[in-house]
Amino acid sequence: MVAKINADYCAGCGSCIGQCPARAISFNDNDVSFVIEEKCNDCGSCLDTCAHGAITIV
């Protein structure tokens, strides 16, 4: 299981990037967060950080 970010809901605030202990979240060229799946350890730290509900664990 890994975190997934729904680009339609991501506001580009970056709060999830700073919260991820695995450094598995970054910005793409459109300032939308995305998960580097190989680094994600399924800890869920990013879930509560996203005020827009853009992140799920699947």
PDB file of N, CA and C in Angstrom:
ATOM      1  N   MET A   1       0.841  -1.182   0.000  1.00  0.00           N
ATOM      2  CA  MET A   1       0.000   0.000   0.000  1.00  0.00           C
ATOM      3  C   MET A   1       0.890   1.251   0.000  1.00  0.00           C
ATOM      4  N   VAL A   2       0.430   2.260  -0.702  1.00  0.00           N
ATOM      5  CA  VAL A   2       1.155   3.528  -0.773  1.00  0.00           C
ATOM      6  C   VAL A   2       0.168   4.683  -0.786  1.00  0.00           C
ATOM      7  N   ALA A   3       0.669   5.851  -0.489  1.00  0.00           N
ATOM      8  CA  ALA A   3      -0.152   7.061  -0.557  1.00  0.00           C
ATOM      9  C   ALA A   3      -0.354   7.449  -2.016  1.00  0.00           C
ATOM     10  N   LYS A   4      -1.521   7.956  -2.308  1.00  0.00           N
ATOM     11  CA  LYS A   4      -1.844   8.487  -3.635  1.00  0.00           C
ATOM     12  C   LYS A   4      -2.414   9.879  -3.445  1.00  0.00           C
ATOM     13  N   ILE A   5      -2.066  10.791  -4.329  1.00  0.00           N
ATOM     14  CA  ILE A   5      -2.566  12.162  -4.262  1.00  0.00           C
ATOM     15  C   ILE A   5      -3.445  12.428  -5.472  1.00  0.00           C
ATOM     16  N   ASN A   6      -4.666  12.842  -5.197  1.00  0.00           N
ATOM     17  CA  ASN A   6      -5.605  13.194  -6.252  1.00  0.00           C
ATOM     18  C   ASN A   6      -5.305  14.631  -6.681  1.00  0.00           C
ATOM     19  N   ALA A   7      -4.772  14.797  -7.867  1.00  0.00           N
ATOM     20  CA  ALA A   7      -4.366  16.109  -8.369  1.00  0.00           C
ATOM     21  C   ALA A   7      -5.532  17.087  -8.459  1.00  0.00           C
ATOM     22  N   ASP A   8      -6.743  16.573  -8.611  1.00  0.00           N
ATOM     23  CA  ASP A   8      -7.916  17.448  -8.694  1.00  0.00           C
ATOM     24  C   ASP A   8      -8.202  18.157  -7.373  1.00  0.00           C
ATOM     25  N   TYR A   9      -7.766  17.565  -6.265  1.00  0.00           N
ATOM     26  CA  TYR A   9      -8.002  18.152  -4.946  1.00  0.00           C
ATOM     27  C   TYR A   9      -6.776  18.845  -4.364  1.00  0.00           C
ATOM     28  N   CYS A  10      -5.593  18.546  -4.882  1.00  0.00           N
ATOM     29  CA  CYS A  10      -4.349  19.120  -4.347  1.00  0.00           C
ATOM     30  C   CYS A  10      -4.299  20.621  -4.615  1.00  0.00           C
ATOM     31  N   ALA A  11      -4.091  21.391  -3.535  1.00  0.00           N
ATOM     32  CA  ALA A  11      -4.011  22.846  -3.647  1.00  0.00           C
ATOM     33  C   ALA A  11      -2.573  23.337  -3.803  1.00  0.00           C
ATOM     34  N   GLY A  12      -1.618  22.410  -3.744  1.00  0.00           N
ATOM     35  CA  GLY A  12      -0.223  22.787  -3.909  1.00  0.00           C
ATOM     36  C   GLY A  12       0.371  23.500  -2.716  1.00  0.00           C
ATOM     37  N   CYS A  13      -0.195  23.285  -1.538  1.00  0.00           N
ATOM     38  CA  CYS A  13       0.285  23.988  -0.334  1.00  0.00           C
ATOM     39  C   CYS A  13       1.603  23.428   0.182  1.00  0.00           C
ATOM     40  N   GLY A  14       1.883  22.154  -0.112  1.00  0.00           N
ATOM     41  CA  GLY A  14       3.148  21.543   0.286  1.00  0.00           C
ATOM     42  C   GLY A  14       3.206  21.030   1.714  1.00  0.00           C
ATOM     43  N   SER A  15       2.116  21.091   2.451  1.00  0.00           N
ATOM     44  CA  SER A  15       2.163  20.640   3.843  1.00  0.00           C
ATOM     45  C   SER A  15       2.502  19.149   3.938  1.00  0.00           C
ATOM     46  N   CYS A  16       2.073  18.364   2.990  1.00  0.00           N
ATOM     47  CA  CYS A  16       2.353  16.927   3.006  1.00  0.00           C
ATOM     48  C   CYS A  16       3.837  16.639   2.784  1.00  0.00           C
ATOM     49  N   ILE A  17       4.492  17.488   2.019  1.00  0.00           N
ATOM     50  CA  ILE A  17       5.913  17.282   1.722  1.00  0.00           C
ATOM     51  C   ILE A  17       6.740  17.362   3.001  1.00  0.00           C
ATOM     52  N   GLY A  18       6.480  18.354   3.819  1.00  0.00           N
ATOM     53  CA  GLY A  18       7.218  18.512   5.064  1.00  0.00           C
ATOM     54  C   GLY A  18       6.866  17.483   6.111  1.00  0.00           C
ATOM     55  N   GLN A  19       5.701  16.877   6.008  1.00  0.00           N
ATOM     56  CA  GLN A  19       5.249  15.908   7.001  1.00  0.00           C
ATOM     57  C   GLN A  19       5.760  14.496   6.724  1.00  0.00           C
ATOM     58  N   CYS A  20       6.143  14.199   5.505  1.00  0.00           N
ATOM     59  CA  CYS A  20       6.530  12.842   5.121  1.00  0.00           C
ATOM     60  C   CYS A  20       7.933  12.487   5.630  1.00  0.00           C
ATOM     61  N   PRO A  21       8.029  11.539   6.588  1.00  0.00           N
ATOM     62  CA  PRO A  21       9.343  11.168   7.115  1.00  0.00           C
ATOM     63  C   PRO A  21      10.201  10.407   6.108  1.00  0.00           C
ATOM     64  N   ALA A  22       9.580   9.809   5.098  1.00  0.00           N
ATOM     65  CA  ALA A  22      10.316   9.054   4.082  1.00  0.00           C
ATOM     66  C   ALA A  22      10.745   9.931   2.908  1.00  0.00           C
ATOM     67  N   ARG A  23      10.346  11.197   2.939  1.00  0.00           N
ATOM     68  CA  ARG A  23      10.629  12.123   1.836  1.00  0.00           C
ATOM     69  C   ARG A  23      10.135  11.566   0.501  1.00  0.00           C
ATOM     70  N   ALA A  24       8.916  11.015   0.558  1.00  0.00           N
ATOM     71  CA  ALA A  24       8.341  10.349  -0.605  1.00  0.00           C
ATOM     72  C   ALA A  24       7.381  11.234  -1.384  1.00  0.00           C
ATOM     73  N   ILE A  25       7.239  12.499  -0.991  1.00  0.00           N
ATOM     74  CA  ILE A  25       6.318  13.396  -1.676  1.00  0.00           C
ATOM     75  C   ILE A  25       7.088  14.588  -2.228  1.00  0.00           C
ATOM     76  N   SER A  26       6.762  14.960  -3.434  1.00  0.00           N
ATOM     77  CA  SER A  26       7.429  16.074  -4.096  1.00  0.00           C
ATOM     78  C   SER A  26       6.393  16.835  -4.922  1.00  0.00           C
ATOM     79  N   PHE A  27       6.829  17.939  -5.526  1.00  0.00           N
ATOM     80  CA  PHE A  27       5.977  18.705  -6.439  1.00  0.00           C
ATOM     81  C   PHE A  27       6.302  18.344  -7.877  1.00  0.00           C
ATOM     82  N   ASN A  28       5.287  18.335  -8.740  1.00  0.00           N
ATOM     83  CA  ASN A  28       5.543  18.196 -10.167  1.00  0.00           C
ATOM     84  C   ASN A  28       5.690  19.603 -10.771  1.00  0.00           C
ATOM     85  N   ASP A  29       5.793  19.693 -12.065  1.00  0.00           N
ATOM     86  CA  ASP A  29       5.990  20.986 -12.731  1.00  0.00           C
ATOM     87  C   ASP A  29       4.792  21.927 -12.609  1.00  0.00           C
ATOM     88  N   ASN A  30       3.639  21.380 -12.245  1.00  0.00           N
ATOM     89  CA  ASN A  30       2.425  22.188 -12.089  1.00  0.00           C
ATOM     90  C   ASN A  30       2.141  22.543 -10.634  1.00  0.00           C
ATOM     91  N   ASP A  31       3.138  22.374  -9.758  1.00  0.00           N
ATOM     92  CA  ASP A  31       2.992  22.636  -8.322  1.00  0.00           C
ATOM     93  C   ASP A  31       1.898  21.796  -7.673  1.00  0.00           C
ATOM     94  N   VAL A  32       1.782  20.566  -8.126  1.00  0.00           N
ATOM     95  CA  VAL A  32       0.877  19.592  -7.534  1.00  0.00           C
ATOM     96  C   VAL A  32       1.748  18.503  -6.916  1.00  0.00           C
ATOM     97  N   SER A  33       1.415  18.110  -5.704  1.00  0.00           N
ATOM     98  CA  SER A  33       2.187  17.070  -5.029  1.00  0.00           C
ATOM     99  C   SER A  33       1.971  15.717  -5.682  1.00  0.00           C
ATOM    100  N   PHE A  34       2.996  14.886  -5.630  1.00  0.00           N
ATOM    101  CA  PHE A  34       2.885  13.506  -6.083  1.00  0.00           C
ATOM    102  C   PHE A  34       3.744  12.633  -5.179  1.00  0.00           C
ATOM    103  N   VAL A  35       3.425  11.347  -5.139  1.00  0.00           N
ATOM    104  CA  VAL A  35       4.124  10.401  -4.278  1.00  0.00           C
ATOM    105  C   VAL A  35       5.139   9.618  -5.095  1.00  0.00           C
ATOM    106  N   ILE A  36       6.341   9.516  -4.576  1.00  0.00           N
ATOM    107  CA  ILE A  36       7.369   8.659  -5.148  1.00  0.00           C
ATOM    108  C   ILE A  36       7.149   7.287  -4.503  1.00  0.00           C
ATOM    109  N   GLU A  37       6.437   6.423  -5.201  1.00  0.00           N
ATOM    110  CA  GLU A  37       5.944   5.176  -4.625  1.00  0.00           C
ATOM    111  C   GLU A  37       7.045   4.298  -4.046  1.00  0.00           C
ATOM    112  N   GLU A  38       8.221   4.308  -4.645  1.00  0.00           N
ATOM    113  CA  GLU A  38       9.322   3.481  -4.163  1.00  0.00           C
ATOM    114  C   GLU A  38       9.796   3.913  -2.775  1.00  0.00           C
ATOM    115  N   LYS A  39       9.552   5.167  -2.411  1.00  0.00           N
ATOM    116  CA  LYS A  39       9.988   5.687  -1.115  1.00  0.00           C
ATOM    117  C   LYS A  39       8.896   5.619  -0.052  1.00  0.00           C
ATOM    118  N   CYS A  40       7.630   5.580  -0.460  1.00  0.00           N
ATOM    119  CA  CYS A  40       6.508   5.603   0.480  1.00  0.00           C
ATOM    120  C   CYS A  40       6.520   4.346   1.347  1.00  0.00           C
ATOM    121  N   ASN A  41       6.440   4.558   2.676  1.00  0.00           N
ATOM    122  CA  ASN A  41       6.442   3.416   3.592  1.00  0.00           C
ATOM    123  C   ASN A  41       5.069   3.181   4.227  1.00  0.00           C
ATOM    124  N   ASP A  42       4.026   3.789   3.694  1.00  0.00           N
ATOM    125  CA  ASP A  42       2.651   3.551   4.138  1.00  0.00           C
ATOM    126  C   ASP A  42       2.432   3.948   5.598  1.00  0.00           C
ATOM    127  N   CYS A  43       3.124   4.979   6.062  1.00  0.00           N
ATOM    128  CA  CYS A  43       2.988   5.369   7.473  1.00  0.00           C
ATOM    129  C   CYS A  43       1.730   6.191   7.730  1.00  0.00           C
ATOM    130  N   GLY A  44       1.213   6.870   6.702  1.00  0.00           N
ATOM    131  CA  GLY A  44      -0.004   7.661   6.845  1.00  0.00           C
ATOM    132  C   GLY A  44       0.195   9.052   7.421  1.00  0.00           C
ATOM    133  N   SER A  45       1.431   9.484   7.642  1.00  0.00           N
ATOM    134  CA  SER A  45       1.685  10.814   8.197  1.00  0.00           C
ATOM    135  C   SER A  45       1.109  11.932   7.344  1.00  0.00           C
ATOM    136  N   CYS A  46       1.032  11.727   6.072  1.00  0.00           N
ATOM    137  CA  CYS A  46       0.549  12.754   5.160  1.00  0.00           C
ATOM    138  C   CYS A  46      -0.970  12.908   5.186  1.00  0.00           C
ATOM    139  N   LEU A  47      -1.685  11.865   5.589  1.00  0.00           N
ATOM    140  CA  LEU A  47      -3.152  11.882   5.527  1.00  0.00           C
ATOM    141  C   LEU A  47      -3.772  13.016   6.325  1.00  0.00           C
ATOM    142  N   ASP A  48      -3.391  13.147   7.576  1.00  0.00           N
ATOM    143  CA  ASP A  48      -3.977  14.168   8.443  1.00  0.00           C
ATOM    144  C   ASP A  48      -3.482  15.569   8.114  1.00  0.00           C
ATOM    145  N   THR A  49      -2.382  15.655   7.408  1.00  0.00           N
ATOM    146  CA  THR A  49      -1.801  16.949   7.061  1.00  0.00           C
ATOM    147  C   THR A  49      -2.566  17.643   5.949  1.00  0.00           C
ATOM    148  N   CYS A  50      -3.158  16.865   5.051  1.00  0.00           N
ATOM    149  CA  CYS A  50      -3.832  17.444   3.890  1.00  0.00           C
ATOM    150  C   CYS A  50      -5.220  17.972   4.257  1.00  0.00           C
ATOM    151  N   ALA A  51      -5.340  19.272   4.266  1.00  0.00           N
ATOM    152  CA  ALA A  51      -6.626  19.911   4.604  1.00  0.00           C
ATOM    153  C   ALA A  51      -7.654  19.804   3.474  1.00  0.00           C
ATOM    154  N   HIS A  52      -7.210  19.351   2.305  1.00  0.00           N
ATOM    155  CA  HIS A  52      -8.084  19.292   1.134  1.00  0.00           C
ATOM    156  C   HIS A  52      -8.559  17.875   0.828  1.00  0.00           C
ATOM    157  N   GLY A  53      -8.122  16.902   1.617  1.00  0.00           N
ATOM    158  CA  GLY A  53      -8.546  15.521   1.403  1.00  0.00           C
ATOM    159  C   GLY A  53      -8.039  14.909   0.120  1.00  0.00           C
ATOM    160  N   ALA A  54      -6.874  15.357  -0.326  1.00  0.00           N
ATOM    161  CA  ALA A  54      -6.344  14.890  -1.606  1.00  0.00           C
ATOM    162  C   ALA A  54      -5.570  13.576  -1.499  1.00  0.00           C
ATOM    163  N   ILE A  55      -5.269  13.138  -0.271  1.00  0.00           N
ATOM    164  CA  ILE A  55      -4.399  11.973  -0.106  1.00  0.00           C
ATOM    165  C   ILE A  55      -5.192  10.783   0.427  1.00  0.00           C
ATOM    166  N   THR A  56      -4.930   9.630  -0.185  1.00  0.00           N
ATOM    167  CA  THR A  56      -5.481   8.366   0.282  1.00  0.00           C
ATOM    168  C   THR A  56      -4.357   7.339   0.323  1.00  0.00           C
ATOM    169  N   ILE A  57      -4.581   6.284   1.080  1.00  0.00           N
ATOM    170  CA  ILE A  57      -3.642   5.153   1.082  1.00  0.00           C
ATOM    171  C   ILE A  57      -4.340   4.014   0.362  1.00  0.00           C
ATOM    172  N   VAL A  58      -3.722   3.542  -0.710  1.00  0.00           N
ATOM    173  CA  VAL A  58      -4.314   2.444  -1.485  1.00  0.00           C
ATOM    174  C   VAL A  58      -3.307   1.333  -1.690  1.00  0.00           C
TER     175      VAL A  58
END
